[in-house]
Amino acid sequence: KKEIADSKKEIADSKKEIADSKKELTDAQKELADANKALENSRKEAANALKEGKKDTAINMLREGMDIETIKKVTGFSAQEIKDLVK
């Protein structure tokens, strides 16, 4: 009888450990998802900042009288994108 009681206690303890592990896994998955979302937002912000920097560069180059072809090479913008900057 003691062996059965001990086994039941071990089973109950194991079930609790499994439940705790599942919760830890769920929490870790949520943290990972949150971190991935933050990383994606940071990437988008960095891409936007880079594009804004290129726009500023293109505008400054235009102010300095540089030709569209050179600005295209430096910024990677199309001629139309560069022309749209002066509107």
Protein backbone atom coordinates (compact mmCIF):
# COMPACT_ATOMS: atom_id res chain seq x y z
CA LYS A 1 0.00 0.00 0.00
CA LYS A 2 2.85 2.36 0.79
CA GLU A 3 4.38 1.63 -2.59
CA ILE A 4 1.10 2.49 -4.30
CA ALA A 5 0.79 5.70 -2.30
CA ASP A 6 4.40 6.59 -3.15
CA SER A 7 3.75 5.87 -6.83
CA LYS A 8 0.62 8.02 -6.80
CA LYS A 9 2.60 10.85 -5.20
CA GLU A 10 5.36 10.48 -7.83
CA ILE A 11 2.74 10.57 -10.58
CA ALA A 12 1.14 13.68 -9.07
CA ASP A 13 4.56 15.33 -8.73
CA SER A 14 5.38 14.44 -12.34
CA LYS A 15 2.08 15.87 -13.55
CA LYS A 16 2.82 19.11 -11.68
CA GLU A 17 6.32 19.25 -13.18
CA ILE A 18 4.87 18.72 -16.65
CA ALA A 19 2.30 21.46 -16.09
CA ASP A 20 5.02 23.81 -14.82
CA SER A 21 7.21 22.98 -17.82
CA LYS A 22 4.33 23.64 -20.21
CA LYS A 23 3.74 27.03 -18.59
CA GLU A 24 7.45 27.87 -18.81
CA LEU A 25 7.46 26.85 -22.47
CA THR A 26 4.38 28.95 -23.20
CA ASP A 27 5.94 31.92 -21.41
CA ALA A 28 9.20 31.46 -23.34
CA GLN A 29 7.29 31.24 -26.64
CA LYS A 30 5.47 34.47 -25.81
CA GLU A 31 8.74 36.19 -24.93
CA LEU A 32 10.25 34.99 -28.20
CA ALA A 33 7.26 36.23 -30.18
CA ASP A 34 7.51 39.61 -28.42
CA ALA A 35 11.24 39.78 -29.13
CA ASN A 36 10.65 38.92 -32.80
CA LYS A 37 8.01 41.63 -33.04
CA ALA A 38 10.36 44.17 -31.44
CA LEU A 39 13.14 43.12 -33.81
CA GLU A 40 10.86 43.49 -36.84
CA ASN A 41 9.77 46.95 -35.64
CA SER A 42 13.43 47.93 -35.20
CA ARG A 43 14.23 46.72 -38.71
CA LYS A 44 11.36 48.78 -40.13
CA GLU A 45 12.47 51.86 -38.19
CA ALA A 46 16.05 51.41 -39.38
CA ALA A 47 14.92 51.00 -42.99
CA ASN A 48 12.80 54.15 -42.72
CA ALA A 49 15.67 56.07 -41.15
CA LEU A 50 18.01 54.93 -43.92
CA LYS A 51 15.54 56.00 -46.59
CA GLU A 52 15.09 59.39 -44.91
CA GLY A 53 18.86 59.78 -44.79
CA LYS A 54 19.08 58.98 -48.50
CA LYS A 55 16.33 61.51 -49.19
CA ASP A 56 18.25 64.17 -47.27
CA THR A 57 21.41 63.26 -49.19
CA ALA A 58 19.60 63.46 -52.52
CA ILE A 59 18.07 66.83 -51.64
CA ASN A 60 21.47 68.17 -50.59
CA MET A 61 23.03 66.87 -53.79
CA LEU A 62 20.31 68.59 -55.82
CA ARG A 63 20.94 71.83 -53.94
CA GLU A 64 24.61 71.51 -54.84
CA GLY A 65 23.64 71.22 -58.49
CA MET A 66 24.61 67.60 -58.98
CA ASP A 67 23.10 65.75 -61.91
CA ILE A 68 20.30 63.18 -61.57
CA GLU A 69 22.47 60.29 -62.83
CA THR A 70 25.04 60.83 -60.07
CA ILE A 71 22.31 61.12 -57.44
CA LYS A 72 20.75 57.90 -58.73
CA LYS A 73 24.09 56.10 -58.35
CA VAL A 74 24.69 57.41 -54.84
CA THR A 75 21.19 56.94 -53.42
CA GLY A 76 19.78 54.07 -55.45
CA PHE A 77 16.68 56.16 -56.14
CA SER A 78 15.06 56.29 -59.55
CA ALA A 79 15.05 59.52 -61.52
CA GLN A 80 11.33 59.89 -60.75
CA GLU A 81 11.89 59.45 -57.01
CA ILE A 82 14.56 62.14 -57.12
CA LYS A 83 12.32 64.50 -59.10
CA ASP A 84 9.51 63.88 -56.59
CA LEU A 85 11.78 65.11 -53.79
CA VAL A 86 11.80 68.64 -55.18
CA LYS A 87 8.02 68.89 -55.38
